[in-house]
């Protein structure tokens, strides 16, 4: 199965995990998702506070989804995790 992501007419190439992460964030748009929820949904693993796998994945996803564009869609929710929203 192929997945296609575009933003403002620009094709964005994502890895499978990046796509799953973006899909989860969009599916639960406006909801702050904890790192443990993200880890269990995307990686099917229990979150270990010693790992930064979620933070690294979000950073890479932001580099592709947000960095080239003025309006940011992926937001950090302090002390909770991350959220996809068209408004800050």
PDB file of N, CA and C in Angstrom:
ATOM      1  N   UNK A   1       0.838  -1.171   0.000  1.00  0.00           N
ATOM      2  CA  UNK A   1       0.000   0.000   0.000  1.00  0.00           C
ATOM      3  C   UNK A   1       0.890   1.245   0.000  1.00  0.00           C
ATOM      4  N   UNK A   2       0.527   2.195  -0.829  1.00  0.00           N
ATOM      5  CA  UNK A   2       1.309   3.428  -0.915  1.00  0.00           C
ATOM      6  C   UNK A   2       0.533   4.559  -0.267  1.00  0.00           C
ATOM      7  N   UNK A   3       1.259   5.421   0.376  1.00  0.00           N
ATOM      8  CA  UNK A   3       0.673   6.596   1.009  1.00  0.00           C
ATOM      9  C   UNK A   3       1.297   7.829   0.376  1.00  0.00           C
ATOM     10  N   UNK A   4       0.476   8.847   0.186  1.00  0.00           N
ATOM     11  CA  UNK A   4       0.975  10.076  -0.422  1.00  0.00           C
ATOM     12  C   UNK A   4       0.629  11.243   0.488  1.00  0.00           C
ATOM     13  N   UNK A   5       1.629  12.065   0.771  1.00  0.00           N
ATOM     14  CA  UNK A   5       1.442  13.248   1.600  1.00  0.00           C
ATOM     15  C   UNK A   5       1.880  14.459   0.788  1.00  0.00           C
ATOM     16  N   UNK A   6       1.015  15.458   0.748  1.00  0.00           N
ATOM     17  CA  UNK A   6       1.359  16.722   0.098  1.00  0.00           C
ATOM     18  C   UNK A   6       0.949  17.865   1.013  1.00  0.00           C
ATOM     19  N   UNK A   7       1.652  18.948   0.857  1.00  0.00           N
ATOM     20  CA  UNK A   7       1.308  20.176   1.575  1.00  0.00           C
ATOM     21  C   UNK A   7       1.552  21.344   0.633  1.00  0.00           C
ATOM     22  N   UNK A   8       0.540  22.105   0.393  1.00  0.00           N
ATOM     23  CA  UNK A   8       0.598  23.243  -0.523  1.00  0.00           C
ATOM     24  C   UNK A   8       1.171  22.828  -1.877  1.00  0.00           C
ATOM     25  N   UNK A   9       0.753  21.654  -2.332  1.00  0.00           N
ATOM     26  CA  UNK A   9       1.178  21.164  -3.630  1.00  0.00           C
ATOM     27  C   UNK A   9       2.555  20.534  -3.672  1.00  0.00           C
ATOM     28  N   UNK A  10       3.226  20.480  -2.539  1.00  0.00           N
ATOM     29  CA  UNK A  10       4.571  19.895  -2.461  1.00  0.00           C
ATOM     30  C   UNK A  10       4.463  18.453  -1.962  1.00  0.00           C
ATOM     31  N   UNK A  11       5.019  17.508  -2.734  1.00  0.00           N
ATOM     32  CA  UNK A  11       5.045  16.112  -2.290  1.00  0.00           C
ATOM     33  C   UNK A  11       6.041  15.953  -1.154  1.00  0.00           C
ATOM     34  N   UNK A  12       5.629  15.229  -0.122  1.00  0.00           N
ATOM     35  CA  UNK A  12       6.492  15.004   1.038  1.00  0.00           C
ATOM     36  C   UNK A  12       6.686  13.503   1.198  1.00  0.00           C
ATOM     37  N   UNK A  13       7.932  13.078   1.144  1.00  0.00           N
ATOM     38  CA  UNK A  13       8.261  11.663   1.270  1.00  0.00           C
ATOM     39  C   UNK A  13       8.466  11.339   2.746  1.00  0.00           C
ATOM     40  N   UNK A  14       7.701  10.374   3.238  1.00  0.00           N
ATOM     41  CA  UNK A  14       7.792   9.968   4.639  1.00  0.00           C
ATOM     42  C   UNK A  14       8.122   8.488   4.738  1.00  0.00           C
ATOM     43  N   UNK A  15       8.836   8.132   5.795  1.00  0.00           N
ATOM     44  CA  UNK A  15       9.027   6.718   6.100  1.00  0.00           C
ATOM     45  C   UNK A  15       7.699   6.175   6.609  1.00  0.00           C
ATOM     46  N   UNK A  16       7.603   4.867   6.723  1.00  0.00           N
ATOM     47  CA  UNK A  16       6.372   4.257   7.212  1.00  0.00           C
ATOM     48  C   UNK A  16       6.024   4.745   8.616  1.00  0.00           C
ATOM     49  N   UNK A  17       7.003   4.807   9.494  1.00  0.00           N
ATOM     50  CA  UNK A  17       6.751   5.255  10.874  1.00  0.00           C
ATOM     51  C   UNK A  17       6.369   6.731  10.911  1.00  0.00           C
ATOM     52  N   UNK A  18       7.016   7.543  10.083  1.00  0.00           N
ATOM     53  CA  UNK A  18       6.650   8.963  10.024  1.00  0.00           C
ATOM     54  C   UNK A  18       5.208   9.111   9.558  1.00  0.00           C
ATOM     55  N   UNK A  19       4.822   8.301   8.569  1.00  0.00           N
ATOM     56  CA  UNK A  19       3.443   8.356   8.088  1.00  0.00           C
ATOM     57  C   UNK A  19       2.468   7.932   9.186  1.00  0.00           C
ATOM     58  N   UNK A  20       2.784   6.854   9.895  1.00  0.00           N
ATOM     59  CA  UNK A  20       1.918   6.396  10.989  1.00  0.00           C
ATOM     60  C   UNK A  20       1.792   7.459  12.080  1.00  0.00           C
ATOM     61  N   UNK A  21       2.888   8.122  12.383  1.00  0.00           N
ATOM     62  CA  UNK A  21       2.878   9.184  13.383  1.00  0.00           C
ATOM     63  C   UNK A  21       2.007  10.343  12.919  1.00  0.00           C
ATOM     64  N   UNK A  22       2.194  10.779  11.685  1.00  0.00           N
ATOM     65  CA  UNK A  22       1.384  11.871  11.144  1.00  0.00           C
ATOM     66  C   UNK A  22      -0.092  11.485  11.112  1.00  0.00           C
ATOM     67  N   UNK A  23      -0.380  10.274  10.698  1.00  0.00           N
ATOM     68  CA  UNK A  23      -1.763   9.793  10.641  1.00  0.00           C
ATOM     69  C   UNK A  23      -2.407   9.833  12.028  1.00  0.00           C
ATOM     70  N   UNK A  24      -1.693   9.384  13.038  1.00  0.00           N
ATOM     71  CA  UNK A  24      -2.204   9.412  14.410  1.00  0.00           C
ATOM     72  C   UNK A  24      -2.468  10.842  14.863  1.00  0.00           C
ATOM     73  N   UNK A  25      -1.521  11.730  14.623  1.00  0.00           N
ATOM     74  CA  UNK A  25      -1.684  13.122  15.036  1.00  0.00           C
ATOM     75  C   UNK A  25      -2.867  13.782  14.335  1.00  0.00           C
ATOM     76  N   UNK A  26      -3.030  13.508  13.048  1.00  0.00           N
ATOM     77  CA  UNK A  26      -4.141  14.100  12.302  1.00  0.00           C
ATOM     78  C   UNK A  26      -5.473  13.495  12.739  1.00  0.00           C
ATOM     79  N   UNK A  27      -5.475  12.190  12.923  1.00  0.00           N
ATOM     80  CA  UNK A  27      -6.701  11.499  13.336  1.00  0.00           C
ATOM     81  C   UNK A  27      -7.220  12.043  14.668  1.00  0.00           C
ATOM     82  N   UNK A  28      -6.294  12.444  15.526  1.00  0.00           N
ATOM     83  CA  UNK A  28      -6.680  12.967  16.846  1.00  0.00           C
ATOM     84  C   UNK A  28      -6.337  14.450  16.946  1.00  0.00           C
ATOM     85  N   UNK A  29      -6.552  15.140  15.826  1.00  0.00           N
ATOM     86  CA  UNK A  29      -6.253  16.564  15.709  1.00  0.00           C
ATOM     87  C   UNK A  29      -6.871  17.360  16.851  1.00  0.00           C
ATOM     88  N   UNK A  30      -6.058  18.281  17.398  1.00  0.00           N
ATOM     89  CA  UNK A  30      -6.520  19.146  18.484  1.00  0.00           C
ATOM     90  C   UNK A  30      -6.394  18.514  19.851  1.00  0.00           C
ATOM     91  N   UNK A  31      -5.987  17.260  19.901  1.00  0.00           N
ATOM     92  CA  UNK A  31      -5.834  16.535  21.167  1.00  0.00           C
ATOM     93  C   UNK A  31      -4.345  16.381  21.477  1.00  0.00           C
ATOM     94  N   UNK A  32      -3.961  16.731  22.684  1.00  0.00           N
ATOM     95  CA  UNK A  32      -2.570  16.560  23.096  1.00  0.00           C
ATOM     96  C   UNK A  32      -2.330  15.083  23.386  1.00  0.00           C
ATOM     97  N   UNK A  33      -1.388  14.498  22.670  1.00  0.00           N
ATOM     98  CA  UNK A  33      -1.075  13.079  22.839  1.00  0.00           C
ATOM     99  C   UNK A  33       0.222  12.919  23.605  1.00  0.00           C
ATOM    100  N   UNK A  34       0.192  12.102  24.621  1.00  0.00           N
ATOM    101  CA  UNK A  34       1.393  11.861  25.416  1.00  0.00           C
ATOM    102  C   UNK A  34       2.374  11.001  24.623  1.00  0.00           C
ATOM    103  N   UNK A  35       3.622  11.049  25.025  1.00  0.00           N
ATOM    104  CA  UNK A  35       4.642  10.235  24.380  1.00  0.00           C
ATOM    105  C   UNK A  35       4.308   8.746  24.507  1.00  0.00           C
ATOM    106  N   UNK A  36       3.747   8.350  25.636  1.00  0.00           N
ATOM    107  CA  UNK A  36       3.407   6.940  25.832  1.00  0.00           C
ATOM    108  C   UNK A  36       2.288   6.506  24.890  1.00  0.00           C
ATOM    109  N   UNK A  37       1.308   7.355  24.655  1.00  0.00           N
ATOM    110  CA  UNK A  37       0.231   7.033  23.709  1.00  0.00           C
ATOM    111  C   UNK A  37       0.807   6.912  22.304  1.00  0.00           C
ATOM    112  N   UNK A  38       1.651   7.854  21.927  1.00  0.00           N
ATOM    113  CA  UNK A  38       2.266   7.829  20.603  1.00  0.00           C
ATOM    114  C   UNK A  38       3.105   6.564  20.429  1.00  0.00           C
ATOM    115  N   UNK A  39       3.924   6.246  21.420  1.00  0.00           N
ATOM    116  CA  UNK A  39       4.784   5.061  21.340  1.00  0.00           C
ATOM    117  C   UNK A  39       3.959   3.788  21.212  1.00  0.00           C
ATOM    118  N   UNK A  40       2.895   3.683  21.968  1.00  0.00           N
ATOM    119  CA  UNK A  40       2.084   2.462  21.910  1.00  0.00           C
ATOM    120  C   UNK A  40       1.328   2.351  20.588  1.00  0.00           C
ATOM    121  N   UNK A  41       0.881   3.468  20.029  1.00  0.00           N
ATOM    122  CA  UNK A  41       0.114   3.440  18.791  1.00  0.00           C
ATOM    123  C   UNK A  41       0.978   3.295  17.541  1.00  0.00           C
ATOM    124  N   UNK A  42       2.137   3.928  17.541  1.00  0.00           N
ATOM    125  CA  UNK A  42       2.989   3.925  16.346  1.00  0.00           C
ATOM    126  C   UNK A  42       3.998   2.787  16.370  1.00  0.00           C
ATOM    127  N   UNK A  43       4.616   2.540  17.516  1.00  0.00           N
ATOM    128  CA  UNK A  43       5.656   1.522  17.615  1.00  0.00           C
ATOM    129  C   UNK A  43       5.178   0.252  18.306  1.00  0.00           C
ATOM    130  N   UNK A  44       3.932   0.253  18.791  1.00  0.00           N
ATOM    131  CA  UNK A  44       3.381  -0.906  19.489  1.00  0.00           C
ATOM    132  C   UNK A  44       4.300  -1.335  20.629  1.00  0.00           C
ATOM    133  N   UNK A  45       4.728  -0.333  21.417  1.00  0.00           N
ATOM    134  CA  UNK A  45       5.622  -0.619  22.538  1.00  0.00           C
ATOM    135  C   UNK A  45       5.218   0.214  23.743  1.00  0.00           C
ATOM    136  N   UNK A  46       5.584  -0.273  24.912  1.00  0.00           N
ATOM    137  CA  UNK A  46       5.378   0.509  26.128  1.00  0.00           C
ATOM    138  C   UNK A  46       6.447   1.579  26.177  1.00  0.00           C
ATOM    139  N   UNK A  47       6.042   2.781  26.566  1.00  0.00           N
ATOM    140  CA  UNK A  47       6.972   3.901  26.583  1.00  0.00           C
ATOM    141  C   UNK A  47       7.967   3.751  27.711  1.00  0.00           C
ATOM    142  N   UNK A  48       9.229   3.888  27.386  1.00  0.00           N
ATOM    143  CA  UNK A  48      10.317   3.865  28.354  1.00  0.00           C
ATOM    144  C   UNK A  48      10.843   5.292  28.454  1.00  0.00           C
ATOM    145  N   UNK A  49      10.804   5.860  29.633  1.00  0.00           N
ATOM    146  CA  UNK A  49      11.199   7.258  29.788  1.00  0.00           C
ATOM    147  C   UNK A  49      12.663   7.499  29.441  1.00  0.00           C
ATOM    148  N   UNK A  50      13.449   6.430  29.338  1.00  0.00           N
ATOM    149  CA  UNK A  50      14.856   6.577  28.989  1.00  0.00           C
ATOM    150  C   UNK A  50      15.082   6.678  27.484  1.00  0.00           C
ATOM    151  N   UNK A  51      14.043   6.433  26.703  1.00  0.00           N
ATOM    152  CA  UNK A  51      14.200   6.487  25.251  1.00  0.00           C
ATOM    153  C   UNK A  51      13.619   7.784  24.705  1.00  0.00           C
ATOM    154  N   UNK A  52      14.235   8.262  23.647  1.00  0.00           N
ATOM    155  CA  UNK A  52      13.753   9.489  23.021  1.00  0.00           C
ATOM    156  C   UNK A  52      13.235   9.221  21.615  1.00  0.00           C
ATOM    157  N   UNK A  53      12.807   7.985  21.358  1.00  0.00           N
ATOM    158  CA  UNK A  53      12.365   7.588  20.029  1.00  0.00           C
ATOM    159  C   UNK A  53      11.216   8.469  19.528  1.00  0.00           C
ATOM    160  N   UNK A  54      10.283   8.819  20.390  1.00  0.00           N
ATOM    161  CA  UNK A  54       9.152   9.654  19.982  1.00  0.00           C
ATOM    162  C   UNK A  54       9.634  11.060  19.646  1.00  0.00           C
ATOM    163  N   UNK A  55      10.457  11.622  20.501  1.00  0.00           N
ATOM    164  CA  UNK A  55      10.966  12.983  20.265  1.00  0.00           C
ATOM    165  C   UNK A  55      11.768  13.073  18.960  1.00  0.00           C
ATOM    166  N   UNK A  56      12.577  12.078  18.697  1.00  0.00           N
ATOM    167  CA  UNK A  56      13.373  12.058  17.471  1.00  0.00           C
ATOM    168  C   UNK A  56      12.458  11.939  16.253  1.00  0.00           C
ATOM    169  N   UNK A  57      11.469  11.077  16.337  1.00  0.00           N
ATOM    170  CA  UNK A  57      10.539  10.903  15.216  1.00  0.00           C
ATOM    171  C   UNK A  57       9.746  12.179  14.951  1.00  0.00           C
ATOM    172  N   UNK A  58       9.312  12.848  16.001  1.00  0.00           N
ATOM    173  CA  UNK A  58       8.573  14.102  15.834  1.00  0.00           C
ATOM    174  C   UNK A  58       9.492  15.161  15.220  1.00  0.00           C
ATOM    175  N   UNK A  59      10.733  15.208  15.658  1.00  0.00           N
ATOM    176  CA  UNK A  59      11.683  16.173  15.100  1.00  0.00           C
ATOM    177  C   UNK A  59      11.873  15.943  13.597  1.00  0.00           C
ATOM    178  N   UNK A  60      12.024  14.692  13.199  1.00  0.00           N
ATOM    179  CA  UNK A  60      12.201  14.367  11.780  1.00  0.00           C
ATOM    180  C   UNK A  60      10.938  14.689  10.974  1.00  0.00           C
ATOM    181  N   UNK A  61       9.782  14.385  11.567  1.00  0.00           N
ATOM    182  CA  UNK A  61       8.522  14.681  10.894  1.00  0.00           C
ATOM    183  C   UNK A  61       8.333  16.185  10.732  1.00  0.00           C
ATOM    184  N   UNK A  62       8.656  16.933  11.761  1.00  0.00           N
ATOM    185  CA  UNK A  62       8.556  18.395  11.685  1.00  0.00           C
ATOM    186  C   UNK A  62       9.467  18.961  10.593  1.00  0.00           C
ATOM    187  N   UNK A  63      10.645  18.384  10.448  1.00  0.00           N
ATOM    188  CA  UNK A  63      11.579  18.854   9.425  1.00  0.00           C
ATOM    189  C   UNK A  63      10.974  18.725   8.029  1.00  0.00           C
ATOM    190  N   UNK A  64      10.137  17.731   7.837  1.00  0.00           N
ATOM    191  CA  UNK A  64       9.523  17.512   6.533  1.00  0.00           C
ATOM    192  C   UNK A  64       8.183  18.225   6.395  1.00  0.00           C
ATOM    193  N   UNK A  65       7.393  18.245   7.436  1.00  0.00           N
ATOM    194  CA  UNK A  65       6.029  18.774   7.385  1.00  0.00           C
ATOM    195  C   UNK A  65       5.969  20.267   7.685  1.00  0.00           C
ATOM    196  N   UNK A  66       6.764  20.723   8.630  1.00  0.00           N
ATOM    197  CA  UNK A  66       6.659  22.110   9.099  1.00  0.00           C
ATOM    198  C   UNK A  66       7.790  23.034   8.656  1.00  0.00           C
ATOM    199  N   UNK A  67       9.011  22.557   8.670  1.00  0.00           N
ATOM    200  CA  UNK A  67      10.168  23.441   8.435  1.00  0.00           C
ATOM    201  C   UNK A  67      10.088  24.239   7.136  1.00  0.00           C
ATOM    202  N   UNK A  68       9.689  23.621   6.031  1.00  0.00           N
ATOM    203  CA  UNK A  68       9.677  24.400   4.780  1.00  0.00           C
ATOM    204  C   UNK A  68       8.515  25.400   4.668  1.00  0.00           C
ATOM    205  N   UNK A  69       7.621  25.394   5.635  1.00  0.00           N
ATOM    206  CA  UNK A  69       6.407  26.207   5.545  1.00  0.00           C
ATOM    207  C   UNK A  69       6.308  27.177   6.711  1.00  0.00           C
ATOM    208  N   UNK A  70       5.650  28.300   6.458  1.00  0.00           N
ATOM    209  CA  UNK A  70       5.510  29.316   7.501  1.00  0.00           C
ATOM    210  C   UNK A  70       4.597  28.844   8.635  1.00  0.00           C
ATOM    211  N   UNK A  71       3.456  28.289   8.280  1.00  0.00           N
ATOM    212  CA  UNK A  71       2.478  27.860   9.284  1.00  0.00           C
ATOM    213  C   UNK A  71       2.863  26.478   9.824  1.00  0.00           C
ATOM    214  N   UNK A  72       3.019  26.381  11.129  1.00  0.00           N
ATOM    215  CA  UNK A  72       3.406  25.133  11.772  1.00  0.00           C
ATOM    216  C   UNK A  72       2.154  24.351  12.175  1.00  0.00           C
ATOM    217  N   UNK A  73       2.195  23.036  11.991  1.00  0.00           N
ATOM    218  CA  UNK A  73       1.043  22.185  12.273  1.00  0.00           C
ATOM    219  C   UNK A  73       1.259  21.242  13.455  1.00  0.00           C
ATOM    220  N   UNK A  74       2.507  20.915  13.735  1.00  0.00           N
ATOM    221  CA  UNK A  74       2.816  19.998  14.839  1.00  0.00           C
ATOM    222  C   UNK A  74       3.347  20.830  15.998  1.00  0.00           C
ATOM    223  N   UNK A  75       2.653  20.738  17.120  1.00  0.00           N
ATOM    224  CA  UNK A  75       2.965  21.574  18.272  1.00  0.00           C
ATOM    225  C   UNK A  75       3.351  20.724  19.475  1.00  0.00           C
ATOM    226  N   UNK A  76       4.282  21.247  20.263  1.00  0.00           N
ATOM    227  CA  UNK A  76       4.639  20.624  21.531  1.00  0.00           C
ATOM    228  C   UNK A  76       3.694  21.150  22.593  1.00  0.00           C
ATOM    229  N   UNK A  77       3.144  20.231  23.374  1.00  0.00           N
ATOM    230  CA  UNK A  77       2.300  20.611  24.505  1.00  0.00           C
ATOM    231  C   UNK A  77       3.130  20.307  25.746  1.00  0.00           C
ATOM    232  N   UNK A  78       3.590  21.341  26.366  1.00  0.00           N
ATOM    233  CA  UNK A  78       4.529  21.217  27.482  1.00  0.00           C
ATOM    234  C   UNK A  78       4.015  20.270  28.558  1.00  0.00           C
ATOM    235  N   UNK A  79       4.879  19.401  29.012  1.00  0.00           N
ATOM    236  CA  UNK A  79       4.626  18.405  30.052  1.00  0.00           C
ATOM    237  C   UNK A  79       3.634  17.325  29.640  1.00  0.00           C
ATOM    238  N   UNK A  80       3.189  17.339  28.372  1.00  0.00           N
ATOM    239  CA  UNK A  80       2.246  16.308  27.924  1.00  0.00           C
ATOM    240  C   UNK A  80       2.825  15.540  26.740  1.00  0.00           C
ATOM    241  N   UNK A  81       3.018  16.221  25.613  1.00  0.00           N
ATOM    242  CA  UNK A  81       3.490  15.540  24.414  1.00  0.00           C
ATOM    243  C   UNK A  81       3.343  16.413  23.192  1.00  0.00           C
ATOM    244  N   UNK A  82       2.586  15.930  22.200  1.00  0.00           N
ATOM    245  CA  UNK A  82       2.483  16.617  20.929  1.00  0.00           C
ATOM    246  C   UNK A  82       1.038  16.662  20.440  1.00  0.00           C
ATOM    247  N   UNK A  83       0.789  17.640  19.551  1.00  0.00           N
ATOM    248  CA  UNK A  83      -0.544  17.812  19.016  1.00  0.00           C
ATOM    249  C   UNK A  83      -0.449  18.347  17.593  1.00  0.00           C
ATOM    250  N   UNK A  84      -1.377  17.906  16.749  1.00  0.00           N
ATOM    251  CA  UNK A  84      -1.520  18.451  15.406  1.00  0.00           C
ATOM    252  C   UNK A  84      -2.671  19.428  15.432  1.00  0.00           C
ATOM    253  N   UNK A  85      -2.402  20.657  15.023  1.00  0.00           N
ATOM    254  CA  UNK A  85      -3.437  21.681  15.011  1.00  0.00           C
ATOM    255  C   UNK A  85      -3.069  22.741  13.993  1.00  0.00           C
ATOM    256  N   UNK A  86      -4.082  23.250  13.310  1.00  0.00           N
ATOM    257  CA  UNK A  86      -3.844  24.329  12.354  1.00  0.00           C
ATOM    258  C   UNK A  86      -3.758  25.676  13.033  1.00  0.00           C
ATOM    259  N   UNK A  87      -4.098  25.718  14.313  1.00  0.00           N
ATOM    260  CA  UNK A  87      -3.964  26.946  15.107  1.00  0.00           C
ATOM    261  C   UNK A  87      -3.008  26.661  16.253  1.00  0.00           C
ATOM    262  N   UNK A  88      -2.131  27.598  16.575  1.00  0.00           N
ATOM    263  CA  UNK A  88      -1.141  27.366  17.631  1.00  0.00           C
ATOM    264  C   UNK A  88      -1.762  27.209  19.013  1.00  0.00           C
TER     265      UNK A  88
END
